[in-house]
Amino acid sequence: MSDELMASLRAHFRESTAERLGEMAVLLDQLDRDASDTDTRERLGRHFHALSGLGATYGYPRVSELGEEGERTSDPARWRELVDALARAL
């Protein structure tokens, strides 16, 4: 794979992940209103799962680590901390 192509893929990953983090923040706000919302919890879990699998692929191993941690927890406060850490990791 050429350096140019990889740079383009990494840029797209950063952009799409920034959008994903925005969606995750909205979901966390929904959980603040209703902590028992299982659909919202599942959607957040899927976001963390995707990040755990994709981060290292695009040269962001910390994103994968944080995504994996998000998969292992069910604490919305910790999830919010992880979303902030993910934003910094990009």
C-alpha atoms as a PDB file:
ATOM      1  CA  MET A   1       0.000   0.000   0.000  1.00  0.00           C
ATOM      2  CA  SER A   2       1.378   3.391  -0.923  1.00  0.00           C
ATOM      3  CA  ASP A   3       2.111   6.023   1.708  1.00  0.00           C
ATOM      4  CA  GLU A   4      -0.334   8.341  -0.013  1.00  0.00           C
ATOM      5  CA  LEU A   5      -3.151   5.817   0.158  1.00  0.00           C
ATOM      6  CA  MET A   6      -2.438   5.036   3.805  1.00  0.00           C
ATOM      7  CA  ALA A   7      -2.406   8.752   4.655  1.00  0.00           C
ATOM      8  CA  SER A   8      -5.769   9.119   2.939  1.00  0.00           C
ATOM      9  CA  LEU A   9      -7.220   6.146   4.813  1.00  0.00           C
ATOM     10  CA  ARG A  10      -5.915   7.480   8.128  1.00  0.00           C
ATOM     11  CA  ALA A  11      -7.452  10.895   7.427  1.00  0.00           C
ATOM     12  CA  HIS A  12     -10.793   9.281   6.629  1.00  0.00           C
ATOM     13  CA  PHE A  13     -10.560   7.207   9.828  1.00  0.00           C
ATOM     14  CA  ARG A  14      -9.917  10.355  11.898  1.00  0.00           C
ATOM     15  CA  GLU A  15     -12.864  12.139  10.316  1.00  0.00           C
ATOM     16  CA  SER A  16     -15.280   9.238  10.666  1.00  0.00           C
ATOM     17  CA  THR A  17     -14.134   8.595  14.226  1.00  0.00           C
ATOM     18  CA  ALA A  18     -14.700  12.242  15.142  1.00  0.00           C
ATOM     19  CA  GLU A  19     -18.257  11.874  13.812  1.00  0.00           C
ATOM     20  CA  ARG A  20     -18.644   8.609  15.732  1.00  0.00           C
ATOM     21  CA  LEU A  21     -17.491  10.295  18.948  1.00  0.00           C
ATOM     22  CA  GLY A  22     -20.123  12.987  18.433  1.00  0.00           C
ATOM     23  CA  GLU A  23     -22.786  10.308  18.077  1.00  0.00           C
ATOM     24  CA  MET A  24     -21.467   8.593  21.187  1.00  0.00           C
ATOM     25  CA  ALA A  25     -21.731  11.848  23.159  1.00  0.00           C
ATOM     26  CA  VAL A  26     -25.385  12.142  22.139  1.00  0.00           C
ATOM     27  CA  LEU A  27     -26.000   8.557  23.259  1.00  0.00           C
ATOM     28  CA  LEU A  28     -24.329   9.269  26.587  1.00  0.00           C
ATOM     29  CA  ASP A  29     -26.616  12.270  27.046  1.00  0.00           C
ATOM     30  CA  GLN A  30     -29.560   9.955  26.397  1.00  0.00           C
ATOM     31  CA  LEU A  31     -28.264   7.609  29.092  1.00  0.00           C
ATOM     32  CA  ASP A  32     -28.065  10.551  31.494  1.00  0.00           C
ATOM     33  CA  ARG A  33     -31.819  10.935  30.979  1.00  0.00           C
ATOM     34  CA  ASP A  34     -32.610   7.197  31.115  1.00  0.00           C
ATOM     35  CA  ALA A  35     -29.865   4.932  32.457  1.00  0.00           C
ATOM     36  CA  SER A  36     -31.965   1.832  31.799  1.00  0.00           C
ATOM     37  CA  ASP A  37     -32.197   2.413  28.021  1.00  0.00           C
ATOM     38  CA  THR A  38     -30.830  -0.910  26.752  1.00  0.00           C
ATOM     39  CA  ASP A  39     -30.961   0.115  23.086  1.00  0.00           C
ATOM     40  CA  THR A  40     -28.716   3.091  23.757  1.00  0.00           C
ATOM     41  CA  ARG A  41     -26.332   0.941  25.801  1.00  0.00           C
ATOM     42  CA  GLU A  42     -26.126  -1.583  22.956  1.00  0.00           C
ATOM     43  CA  ARG A  43     -25.459   1.146  20.398  1.00  0.00           C
ATOM     44  CA  LEU A  44     -22.637   2.519  22.531  1.00  0.00           C
ATOM     45  CA  GLY A  45     -21.222  -0.971  22.880  1.00  0.00           C
ATOM     46  CA  ARG A  46     -21.190  -1.370  19.097  1.00  0.00           C
ATOM     47  CA  HIS A  47     -19.335   1.922  18.707  1.00  0.00           C
ATOM     48  CA  PHE A  48     -16.685   0.839  21.217  1.00  0.00           C
ATOM     49  CA  HIS A  49     -16.428  -2.542  19.504  1.00  0.00           C
ATOM     50  CA  ALA A  50     -15.853  -0.937  16.103  1.00  0.00           C
ATOM     51  CA  LEU A  51     -13.149   1.332  17.491  1.00  0.00           C
ATOM     52  CA  SER A  52     -11.391  -1.543  19.226  1.00  0.00           C
ATOM     53  CA  GLY A  53     -11.111  -3.327  15.909  1.00  0.00           C
ATOM     54  CA  LEU A  54     -10.214  -0.382  13.708  1.00  0.00           C
ATOM     55  CA  GLY A  55      -7.839   1.825  15.669  1.00  0.00           C
ATOM     56  CA  ALA A  56      -4.662  -0.202  15.381  1.00  0.00           C
ATOM     57  CA  THR A  57      -5.427  -0.984  11.747  1.00  0.00           C
ATOM     58  CA  TYR A  58      -5.038   2.703  10.935  1.00  0.00           C
ATOM     59  CA  GLY A  59      -2.068   3.328  13.213  1.00  0.00           C
ATOM     60  CA  TYR A  60      -3.950   4.292  16.367  1.00  0.00           C
ATOM     61  CA  PRO A  61      -3.320   1.464  18.844  1.00  0.00           C
ATOM     62  CA  ARG A  62      -4.494   3.631  21.749  1.00  0.00           C
ATOM     63  CA  VAL A  63      -7.893   3.950  20.068  1.00  0.00           C
ATOM     64  CA  SER A  64      -8.119   0.154  19.982  1.00  0.00           C
ATOM     65  CA  GLU A  65      -7.126  -0.090  23.646  1.00  0.00           C
ATOM     66  CA  LEU A  66      -9.729   2.471  24.698  1.00  0.00           C
ATOM     67  CA  GLY A  67     -12.362   0.797  22.528  1.00  0.00           C
ATOM     68  CA  GLU A  68     -11.638  -2.534  24.186  1.00  0.00           C
ATOM     69  CA  GLU A  69     -11.970  -0.959  27.605  1.00  0.00           C
ATOM     70  CA  GLY A  70     -15.301   0.520  26.565  1.00  0.00           C
ATOM     71  CA  GLU A  71     -16.481  -2.944  25.554  1.00  0.00           C
ATOM     72  CA  ARG A  72     -15.618  -4.301  28.999  1.00  0.00           C
ATOM     73  CA  THR A  73     -17.452  -1.698  31.066  1.00  0.00           C
ATOM     74  CA  SER A  74     -21.085  -0.748  31.425  1.00  0.00           C
ATOM     75  CA  ASP A  75     -20.541   2.420  33.453  1.00  0.00           C
ATOM     76  CA  PRO A  76     -21.777   5.508  31.575  1.00  0.00           C
ATOM     77  CA  ALA A  77     -19.436   7.785  33.582  1.00  0.00           C
ATOM     78  CA  ARG A  78     -16.454   5.699  32.510  1.00  0.00           C
ATOM     79  CA  TRP A  79     -17.753   5.637  28.945  1.00  0.00           C
ATOM     80  CA  ARG A  80     -17.781   9.438  28.936  1.00  0.00           C
ATOM     81  CA  GLU A  81     -14.166   9.472  30.151  1.00  0.00           C
ATOM     82  CA  LEU A  82     -13.242   7.014  27.405  1.00  0.00           C
ATOM     83  CA  VAL A  83     -14.916   9.123  24.716  1.00  0.00           C
ATOM     84  CA  ASP A  84     -12.852  12.107  25.887  1.00  0.00           C
ATOM     85  CA  ALA A  85      -9.690   9.974  25.865  1.00  0.00           C
ATOM     86  CA  LEU A  86     -10.518   8.717  22.370  1.00  0.00           C
ATOM     87  CA  ALA A  87     -10.819  12.275  21.107  1.00  0.00           C
ATOM     88  CA  ARG A  88      -7.386  13.056  22.530  1.00  0.00           C
ATOM     89  CA  ALA A  89      -5.929   9.862  21.023  1.00  0.00           C
ATOM     90  CA  LEU A  90      -6.792  11.041  17.519  1.00  0.00           C
END
